[in-house]
Protein backbone atom coordinates (compact mmCIF):
# COMPACT_ATOMS: atom_id res chain seq x y z
CA MET A 1 5.59 -7.53 -17.36
CA GLY A 2 2.54 -6.25 -15.51
CA SER A 3 0.64 -5.62 -18.72
CA SER A 4 1.49 -9.07 -20.04
CA ALA A 5 0.35 -10.73 -16.81
CA THR A 6 -2.86 -8.70 -16.83
CA ASN A 7 -3.55 -9.65 -20.44
CA PHE A 8 -2.93 -13.31 -19.64
CA TYR A 9 -5.25 -13.17 -16.62
CA ASN A 10 -8.00 -11.42 -18.60
CA THR A 11 -7.71 -13.94 -21.44
CA ILE A 12 -8.08 -16.89 -19.07
CA LYS A 13 -10.93 -15.21 -17.19
CA ASP A 14 -12.77 -14.41 -20.44
CA SER A 15 -12.24 -17.94 -21.72
CA TYR A 16 -13.77 -19.45 -18.57
CA GLU A 17 -16.70 -17.04 -18.79
CA ILE A 18 -17.39 -17.97 -22.42
CA GLU A 19 -17.23 -21.68 -21.57
CA ARG A 20 -19.61 -21.13 -18.63
CA LEU A 21 -22.08 -19.33 -20.90
CA LEU A 22 -21.84 -22.07 -23.52
CA ASP A 23 -22.62 -24.65 -20.82
CA LYS A 24 -25.62 -22.64 -19.66
CA LEU A 25 -26.86 -22.26 -23.21
CA TYR A 26 -26.58 -26.00 -23.82
CA THR A 27 -28.38 -26.76 -20.57
CA TYR A 28 -31.20 -24.37 -21.48
CA ALA A 29 -31.58 -25.81 -25.00
CA SER A 30 -31.53 -29.37 -23.69
CA HIS A 31 -34.21 -28.65 -21.10
CA LYS A 32 -36.38 -26.92 -23.68
CA PHE A 33 -36.04 -29.92 -26.00
CA ASP A 34 -36.71 -32.43 -23.19
CA THR A 35 -39.82 -30.51 -22.16
CA ASP A 36 -41.44 -30.90 -25.59
CA ILE A 37 -39.62 -33.14 -28.03
CA SER A 38 -42.33 -32.64 -30.66
CA ASN A 39 -41.51 -28.92 -30.94
CA ASN A 40 -39.30 -28.45 -34.00
CA HIS A 41 -37.98 -25.11 -32.75
CA ASN A 42 -36.64 -26.73 -29.58
CA GLN A 43 -35.02 -29.51 -31.59
CA THR A 44 -33.39 -27.00 -33.95
CA LEU A 45 -32.15 -24.93 -31.02
CA LYS A 46 -30.57 -27.96 -29.37
CA LEU A 47 -28.88 -29.03 -32.59
CA LYS A 48 -27.44 -25.54 -33.14
CA VAL A 49 -26.16 -25.26 -29.59
CA GLN A 50 -24.68 -28.71 -29.06
CA ASN A 51 -21.68 -28.10 -31.35
CA LEU A 52 -20.83 -24.64 -30.07
CA PRO A 53 -18.22 -25.76 -27.49
CA GLN A 54 -16.29 -27.68 -30.14
CA ARG A 55 -16.51 -24.78 -32.58
CA TYR A 56 -15.31 -22.37 -29.88
CA GLU A 57 -12.41 -24.65 -29.02
CA LYS A 58 -11.44 -24.98 -32.67
CA VAL A 59 -11.45 -21.21 -33.20
CA THR A 60 -9.47 -20.49 -30.04
CA ILE A 61 -6.91 -23.18 -30.85
CA LEU A 62 -6.45 -21.79 -34.36
CA GLN A 63 -6.14 -18.28 -32.96
CA ASN A 64 -3.55 -19.39 -30.45
CA GLU A 65 -1.54 -21.32 -33.05
CA SER A 66 -1.44 -18.31 -35.37
CA ASN A 67 0.29 -16.35 -32.60
CA TYR A 68 3.24 -18.73 -32.74
CA TYR A 69 3.96 -18.41 -36.46
């Protein structure tokens, strides 16, 4: 049981860390875009980053569901 509890804890901890990093990345990209909206690189960066949380959630949900079947 100890190993299972440790794995569960590490999974939750890692998930929170990934979500925190995704938030920081979005904040950075948004600030870069807001600083100079005429810069195409900043706009592209923001567009790439803004869907990452949903993509991460979709992948983790699919991964979790596959464990049940």
